[in-house]
Amino acid sequence: MACETPLTERRLGKRGQALVVAGESGPAWRVVEGIVRLDLPVPFGEEHFVGIAWGGDLIGAEALMFGRYGYTATAVTPVVLEGWSQVAAKEPAALLYARFEHRMGEVLRLRAGKAPERIARLFELAQSVGAEPLRLRLRDIAAITGLRIETVSRTLKAMEAGGLS
């Protein structure tokens, strides 16, 4: 049976903290503030980046249907979550799911183009949700943009030298 969490319950997450873990059970959460990275577990303990969520998006909703989280959600920035229940929700679930699908299209845009363009789009996105782009970890920037950590590091240095960061 799926867990129902009252909408008044809030959870704070620190950067780098796992908020929900694939395979575990628990409630669905709505992201109030911050950016959350979603990873799909693959064999041998690795994880594969699949998307991001931010203000207004649901994470862990699959646990309501399947009883377990399908993804691991990790805070990319400090985050605020609130418990989400279909019964008590102010917005219909279909609207929230549609918003999340739109976000996945935006994630795909972050993975196309030259490195400076990808990183600049990610920084714009981070600023639009109130996050400080330069506080993002290289590892997260690389995973979200589909670039290698070394490429991100070199690109950030070049952007900084050119006054673009």
Protein backbone atom coordinates (compact mmCIF):
# COMPACT_ATOMS: atom_id res chain seq x y z
CA MET A 1 0.00 0.00 0.00
CA ALA A 2 1.37 3.44 -0.94
CA CYS A 3 2.21 5.93 1.78
CA GLU A 4 0.17 9.10 2.05
CA THR A 5 1.99 12.11 3.47
CA PRO A 6 0.02 15.17 4.55
CA LEU A 7 0.71 18.27 2.48
CA THR A 8 1.83 20.10 5.60
CA GLU A 9 4.88 17.85 6.05
CA ARG A 10 8.07 19.51 4.85
CA ARG A 11 11.51 18.10 4.33
CA LEU A 12 14.71 20.10 3.86
CA GLY A 13 17.57 18.64 1.86
CA LYS A 14 21.20 19.67 1.71
CA ARG A 15 23.19 19.72 -1.51
CA GLY A 16 24.30 16.19 -2.32
CA GLN A 17 21.76 14.52 0.00
CA ALA A 18 19.72 11.57 -1.30
CA LEU A 19 16.07 12.53 -0.85
CA VAL A 20 14.47 9.31 -2.09
CA VAL A 21 16.29 6.10 -2.97
CA ALA A 22 15.37 3.76 -5.82
CA GLY A 23 13.83 0.53 -4.58
CA GLU A 24 12.66 1.95 -1.26
CA SER A 25 9.06 2.79 -0.48
CA GLY A 26 7.72 6.10 0.69
CA PRO A 27 5.51 9.05 -0.14
CA ALA A 28 5.55 11.35 -3.14
CA TRP A 29 7.04 14.81 -2.68
CA ARG A 30 6.55 18.13 -4.43
CA VAL A 31 9.67 20.26 -4.91
CA VAL A 32 9.01 23.69 -3.38
CA GLU A 33 12.51 25.15 -3.83
CA GLY A 34 15.79 24.01 -5.34
CA ILE A 35 16.93 21.54 -7.97
CA VAL A 36 16.80 17.75 -7.66
CA ARG A 37 18.74 15.30 -9.80
CA LEU A 38 17.07 12.00 -10.77
CA ASP A 39 19.20 8.91 -11.39
CA LEU A 40 18.28 5.41 -12.46
CA PRO A 41 20.28 2.68 -10.73
CA VAL A 42 22.23 0.35 -12.99
CA PRO A 43 24.18 -2.79 -12.08
CA PHE A 44 27.25 -2.62 -9.85
CA GLY A 45 26.06 0.33 -7.76
CA GLU A 46 26.36 2.97 -10.46
CA GLU A 47 23.60 5.38 -11.35
CA HIS A 48 22.61 6.89 -14.68
CA PHE A 49 21.33 10.48 -14.88
CA VAL A 50 17.79 10.65 -16.28
CA GLY A 51 16.43 14.05 -15.38
CA ILE A 52 15.98 16.96 -13.04
CA ALA A 53 13.08 18.38 -11.09
CA TRP A 54 12.53 21.81 -9.55
CA GLY A 55 9.83 24.06 -8.14
CA GLY A 56 6.38 22.52 -8.59
CA ASP A 57 7.58 19.13 -9.85
CA LEU A 58 6.76 15.82 -8.18
CA ILE A 59 9.39 13.30 -7.19
CA GLY A 60 8.64 9.78 -6.07
CA ALA A 61 5.13 9.70 -7.57
CA GLU A 62 5.84 6.27 -9.05
CA ALA A 63 5.85 4.88 -5.51
CA LEU A 64 2.14 5.71 -5.30
CA MET A 65 1.46 3.31 -8.17
CA PHE A 66 4.18 0.70 -7.81
CA GLY A 67 4.97 0.83 -4.09
CA ARG A 68 8.65 1.67 -4.61
CA TYR A 69 10.70 4.56 -5.91
CA GLY A 70 12.01 4.00 -9.42
CA TYR A 71 14.70 6.66 -9.20
CA THR A 72 17.13 8.04 -6.69
CA ALA A 73 16.55 11.76 -6.18
CA THR A 74 19.52 13.80 -4.94
CA ALA A 75 19.57 17.49 -4.04
CA VAL A 76 21.72 19.44 -6.50
CA THR A 77 21.09 22.61 -4.49
CA PRO A 78 19.54 23.03 -1.05
CA VAL A 79 15.90 21.99 -1.46
CA VAL A 80 12.56 22.23 0.27
CA LEU A 81 10.06 19.43 -0.33
CA GLU A 82 6.49 19.05 0.82
CA GLY A 83 4.53 15.86 1.11
CA TRP A 84 2.13 15.29 -1.77
CA SER A 85 -1.14 13.41 -1.83
CA GLN A 86 -3.49 13.09 -4.79
CA VAL A 87 -6.43 13.43 -2.44
CA ALA A 88 -5.30 16.70 -0.86
CA ALA A 89 -3.48 18.20 -3.87
CA LYS A 90 -4.49 21.65 -5.07
CA GLU A 91 -3.46 20.84 -8.64
CA PRO A 92 -4.63 17.77 -10.56
CA ALA A 93 -2.01 15.07 -10.92
CA ALA A 94 -2.29 15.24 -14.72
CA LEU A 95 -1.13 18.87 -14.68
CA LEU A 96 1.85 18.01 -12.50
CA TYR A 97 2.82 15.08 -14.71
CA ALA A 98 2.48 17.25 -17.84
CA ARG A 99 4.73 19.89 -16.26
CA PHE A 100 7.30 17.22 -15.47
CA GLU A 101 7.19 15.91 -19.05
CA HIS A 102 7.84 19.44 -20.27
CA ARG A 103 10.82 19.63 -17.91
CA MET A 104 12.28 16.49 -19.45
CA GLY A 105 12.25 18.27 -22.82
CA GLU A 106 14.21 21.09 -21.24
CA VAL A 107 16.69 18.56 -19.85
CA LEU A 108 17.26 17.20 -23.36
CA ARG A 109 18.09 20.75 -24.50
CA LEU A 110 20.76 20.88 -21.78
CA ARG A 111 22.44 17.89 -23.41
CA ALA A 112 22.65 19.30 -26.95
CA GLY A 113 25.06 21.83 -28.45
CA LYS A 114 28.55 22.94 -27.56
CA ALA A 115 29.79 22.78 -23.98
CA PRO A 116 29.57 26.54 -23.27
CA GLU A 117 25.98 26.62 -24.56
CA ARG A 118 24.94 23.65 -22.42
CA ILE A 119 26.52 25.08 -19.28
CA ALA A 120 25.07 28.55 -19.92
CA ARG A 121 21.56 27.05 -20.34
CA LEU A 122 21.98 25.14 -17.07
CA PHE A 123 23.10 28.30 -15.29
CA GLU A 124 20.10 30.19 -16.70
CA LEU A 125 17.81 27.44 -15.46
CA ALA A 126 19.44 27.46 -12.02
CA GLN A 127 19.06 31.24 -11.75
CA SER A 128 15.41 31.01 -12.82
CA VAL A 129 14.68 28.79 -9.81
CA GLY A 130 16.72 30.91 -7.39
CA ALA A 131 19.84 28.72 -7.23
CA GLU A 132 23.40 30.04 -7.41
CA PRO A 133 24.84 28.47 -10.59
CA LEU A 134 28.47 28.72 -9.55
CA ARG A 135 27.70 26.69 -6.42
CA LEU A 136 26.70 23.65 -8.49
CA ARG A 137 29.13 20.76 -8.21
CA LEU A 138 31.22 19.88 -11.28
CA ARG A 139 29.92 16.31 -11.06
CA ASP A 140 26.29 17.50 -11.25
CA ILE A 141 26.98 19.95 -14.08
CA ALA A 142 28.70 17.17 -16.03
CA ALA A 143 25.92 14.63 -15.47
CA ILE A 144 23.11 17.06 -16.31
CA THR A 145 24.79 18.43 -19.44
CA GLY A 146 26.18 15.08 -20.64
CA LEU A 147 29.74 16.39 -20.56
CA ARG A 148 32.86 15.00 -18.90
CA ILE A 149 33.98 16.62 -15.66
CA GLU A 150 37.24 17.69 -17.31
CA THR A 151 35.32 19.39 -20.13
CA VAL A 152 33.13 21.21 -17.63
CA SER A 153 36.18 22.38 -15.69
CA ARG A 154 37.98 23.65 -18.80
CA THR A 155 34.82 25.30 -20.14
CA LEU A 156 34.08 27.08 -16.85
CA LYS A 157 37.65 28.41 -16.76
CA ALA A 158 37.33 29.65 -20.35
CA MET A 159 33.92 31.19 -19.63
CA GLU A 160 35.31 32.92 -16.54
CA ALA A 161 38.33 34.23 -18.48
CA GLY A 162 35.95 35.54 -21.15
CA GLY A 163 33.68 37.14 -18.56
CA LEU A 164 30.76 34.85 -19.43
CA SER A 165 30.16 33.12 -16.09
